[in-house]
Amino acid sequence: MFGKKKKAEQPRISIWDSAGCILYDGLLTGMTVPYDTICDLSLQFYNDPDPCEIHQNAVLSRVFLEIQEMLKPGVETGSDDLGSLLFYFSYYPDMRRVLLYFG
């Protein structure tokens, strides 16, 4: 009745470059989003060009949520198919494919 709760699996992401080398493979929330990208998004989302830590975290939460909602788990997506999400991957300029998965 009061057994251990099963932990929800965290979303993970793999990012590959054009040569097929892995640029990042880990928790979605561990993915690097450059500070200038966070500032650009903070201006867009909150009209705040110099975000405090709270707005920075809100921007990152929104980025990770949008990635998770837009990518189909277990299906590789090419950079040409990312549309507006491509901006979120600006830290990985040679990124060509991504894979969202749980594990």
C-alpha atoms as a PDB file:
ATOM      1  CA  MET A   1       0.000   0.000   0.000  1.00  0.00           C
ATOM      2  CA  PHE A   2       2.745   2.446   0.912  1.00  0.00           C
ATOM      3  CA  GLY A   3       5.479   1.059  -1.308  1.00  0.00           C
ATOM      4  CA  LYS A   4       8.232   3.084  -2.890  1.00  0.00           C
ATOM      5  CA  LYS A   5       7.156   5.459  -5.585  1.00  0.00           C
ATOM      6  CA  LYS A   6       8.607   4.732  -8.967  1.00  0.00           C
ATOM      7  CA  LYS A   7      10.702   7.638 -10.183  1.00  0.00           C
ATOM      8  CA  ALA A   8       9.584   9.153 -13.444  1.00  0.00           C
ATOM      9  CA  GLU A   9      12.141   8.712 -16.168  1.00  0.00           C
ATOM     10  CA  GLN A  10      13.854  11.958 -17.043  1.00  0.00           C
ATOM     11  CA  PRO A  11      13.933  13.110 -20.664  1.00  0.00           C
ATOM     12  CA  ARG A  12      17.350  12.746 -22.245  1.00  0.00           C
ATOM     13  CA  ILE A  13      18.723  14.029 -25.513  1.00  0.00           C
ATOM     14  CA  SER A  14      21.499  13.056 -27.886  1.00  0.00           C
ATOM     15  CA  ILE A  15      22.947  15.595 -30.298  1.00  0.00           C
ATOM     16  CA  TRP A  16      25.174  14.624 -33.241  1.00  0.00           C
ATOM     17  CA  ASP A  17      27.281  16.699 -35.611  1.00  0.00           C
ATOM     18  CA  SER A  18      27.607  16.299 -39.379  1.00  0.00           C
ATOM     19  CA  ALA A  19      30.344  13.668 -38.968  1.00  0.00           C
ATOM     20  CA  GLY A  20      28.124  11.567 -36.697  1.00  0.00           C
ATOM     21  CA  CYS A  21      30.070  12.405 -33.536  1.00  0.00           C
ATOM     22  CA  ILE A  22      28.090  12.919 -30.358  1.00  0.00           C
ATOM     23  CA  LEU A  23      28.170  16.529 -29.208  1.00  0.00           C
ATOM     24  CA  TYR A  24      25.981  15.902 -26.163  1.00  0.00           C
ATOM     25  CA  ASP A  25      24.242  12.910 -24.648  1.00  0.00           C
ATOM     26  CA  GLY A  26      22.560  13.368 -21.305  1.00  0.00           C
ATOM     27  CA  LEU A  27      19.625  14.873 -19.463  1.00  0.00           C
ATOM     28  CA  LEU A  28      17.626  17.343 -21.497  1.00  0.00           C
ATOM     29  CA  THR A  29      17.938  19.822 -18.630  1.00  0.00           C
ATOM     30  CA  GLY A  30      21.725  19.475 -18.755  1.00  0.00           C
ATOM     31  CA  MET A  31      21.917  20.681 -22.334  1.00  0.00           C
ATOM     32  CA  THR A  32      23.904  23.908 -22.709  1.00  0.00           C
ATOM     33  CA  VAL A  33      21.990  27.006 -23.753  1.00  0.00           C
ATOM     34  CA  PRO A  34      24.303  30.029 -24.164  1.00  0.00           C
ATOM     35  CA  TYR A  35      23.709  33.064 -21.994  1.00  0.00           C
ATOM     36  CA  ASP A  36      23.170  35.311 -25.028  1.00  0.00           C
ATOM     37  CA  THR A  37      20.471  32.929 -26.260  1.00  0.00           C
ATOM     38  CA  ILE A  38      18.838  33.031 -22.817  1.00  0.00           C
ATOM     39  CA  CYS A  39      18.934  36.853 -22.920  1.00  0.00           C
ATOM     40  CA  ASP A  40      17.416  36.945 -26.419  1.00  0.00           C
ATOM     41  CA  LEU A  41      14.633  34.613 -25.322  1.00  0.00           C
ATOM     42  CA  SER A  42      14.070  36.542 -22.093  1.00  0.00           C
ATOM     43  CA  LEU A  43      13.586  39.685 -24.152  1.00  0.00           C
ATOM     44  CA  GLN A  44      11.170  37.835 -26.435  1.00  0.00           C
ATOM     45  CA  PHE A  45       9.218  36.085 -23.652  1.00  0.00           C
ATOM     46  CA  TYR A  46       9.334  38.643 -20.816  1.00  0.00           C
ATOM     47  CA  ASN A  47      10.536  41.900 -22.383  1.00  0.00           C
ATOM     48  CA  ASP A  48      13.588  41.589 -20.113  1.00  0.00           C
ATOM     49  CA  PRO A  49      16.956  42.004 -21.889  1.00  0.00           C
ATOM     50  CA  ASP A  50      18.975  41.471 -18.682  1.00  0.00           C
ATOM     51  CA  PRO A  51      17.232  38.554 -16.942  1.00  0.00           C
ATOM     52  CA  CYS A  52      17.652  37.824 -13.278  1.00  0.00           C
ATOM     53  CA  GLU A  53      18.184  34.235 -12.189  1.00  0.00           C
ATOM     54  CA  ILE A  54      14.435  33.674 -11.907  1.00  0.00           C
ATOM     55  CA  HIS A  55      13.813  34.760 -15.509  1.00  0.00           C
ATOM     56  CA  GLN A  56      16.841  32.775 -16.704  1.00  0.00           C
ATOM     57  CA  ASN A  57      15.418  29.639 -15.094  1.00  0.00           C
ATOM     58  CA  ALA A  58      11.965  30.392 -16.511  1.00  0.00           C
ATOM     59  CA  VAL A  59      13.460  30.722 -20.001  1.00  0.00           C
ATOM     60  CA  LEU A  60      15.331  27.429 -19.633  1.00  0.00           C
ATOM     61  CA  SER A  61      12.216  25.668 -18.350  1.00  0.00           C
ATOM     62  CA  ARG A  62      10.280  26.892 -21.347  1.00  0.00           C
ATOM     63  CA  VAL A  63      13.050  25.861 -23.759  1.00  0.00           C
ATOM     64  CA  PHE A  64      13.243  22.343 -22.336  1.00  0.00           C
ATOM     65  CA  LEU A  65       9.458  21.982 -22.260  1.00  0.00           C
ATOM     66  CA  GLU A  66       9.122  23.116 -25.889  1.00  0.00           C
ATOM     67  CA  ILE A  67      11.850  20.713 -27.001  1.00  0.00           C
ATOM     68  CA  GLN A  68      10.149  17.868 -25.156  1.00  0.00           C
ATOM     69  CA  GLU A  69       6.745  18.741 -26.647  1.00  0.00           C
ATOM     70  CA  MET A  70       7.998  19.168 -30.227  1.00  0.00           C
ATOM     71  CA  LEU A  71      10.308  16.161 -30.560  1.00  0.00           C
ATOM     72  CA  LYS A  72       8.831  12.703 -30.821  1.00  0.00           C
ATOM     73  CA  PRO A  73      10.627  10.405 -28.338  1.00  0.00           C
ATOM     74  CA  GLY A  74      12.717   7.713 -29.969  1.00  0.00           C
ATOM     75  CA  VAL A  75      12.716   9.378 -33.390  1.00  0.00           C
ATOM     76  CA  GLU A  76      15.840  11.106 -34.721  1.00  0.00           C
ATOM     77  CA  THR A  77      15.147  14.579 -36.038  1.00  0.00           C
ATOM     78  CA  GLY A  78      17.387  16.377 -38.501  1.00  0.00           C
ATOM     79  CA  SER A  79      18.376  19.990 -37.949  1.00  0.00           C
ATOM     80  CA  ASP A  80      16.451  20.975 -41.092  1.00  0.00           C
ATOM     81  CA  ASP A  81      13.253  19.698 -39.456  1.00  0.00           C
ATOM     82  CA  LEU A  82      13.626  21.558 -36.150  1.00  0.00           C
ATOM     83  CA  GLY A  83      12.137  24.843 -37.343  1.00  0.00           C
ATOM     84  CA  SER A  84      12.018  27.394 -34.527  1.00  0.00           C
ATOM     85  CA  LEU A  85      13.631  24.919 -32.110  1.00  0.00           C
ATOM     86  CA  LEU A  86      16.933  25.192 -33.986  1.00  0.00           C
ATOM     87  CA  PHE A  87      17.706  28.445 -32.137  1.00  0.00           C
ATOM     88  CA  TYR A  88      17.706  26.522 -28.841  1.00  0.00           C
ATOM     89  CA  PHE A  89      20.657  24.464 -30.085  1.00  0.00           C
ATOM     90  CA  SER A  90      22.893  27.452 -30.878  1.00  0.00           C
ATOM     91  CA  TYR A  91      25.625  26.152 -28.548  1.00  0.00           C
ATOM     92  CA  TYR A  92      26.067  23.225 -30.943  1.00  0.00           C
ATOM     93  CA  PRO A  93      26.688  25.007 -34.286  1.00  0.00           C
ATOM     94  CA  ASP A  94      27.518  21.841 -36.261  1.00  0.00           C
ATOM     95  CA  MET A  95      24.486  19.965 -34.885  1.00  0.00           C
ATOM     96  CA  ARG A  96      22.748  17.869 -37.542  1.00  0.00           C
ATOM     97  CA  ARG A  97      20.552  15.362 -35.657  1.00  0.00           C
ATOM     98  CA  VAL A  98      18.874  15.102 -32.284  1.00  0.00           C
ATOM     99  CA  LEU A  99      17.137  12.281 -30.468  1.00  0.00           C
ATOM    100  CA  LEU A 100      14.865  12.714 -27.463  1.00  0.00           C
ATOM    101  CA  TYR A 101      14.502   9.597 -25.333  1.00  0.00           C
ATOM    102  CA  PHE A 102      13.704   8.464 -21.821  1.00  0.00           C
ATOM    103  CA  GLY A 103      16.023   6.323 -19.799  1.00  0.00           C
END
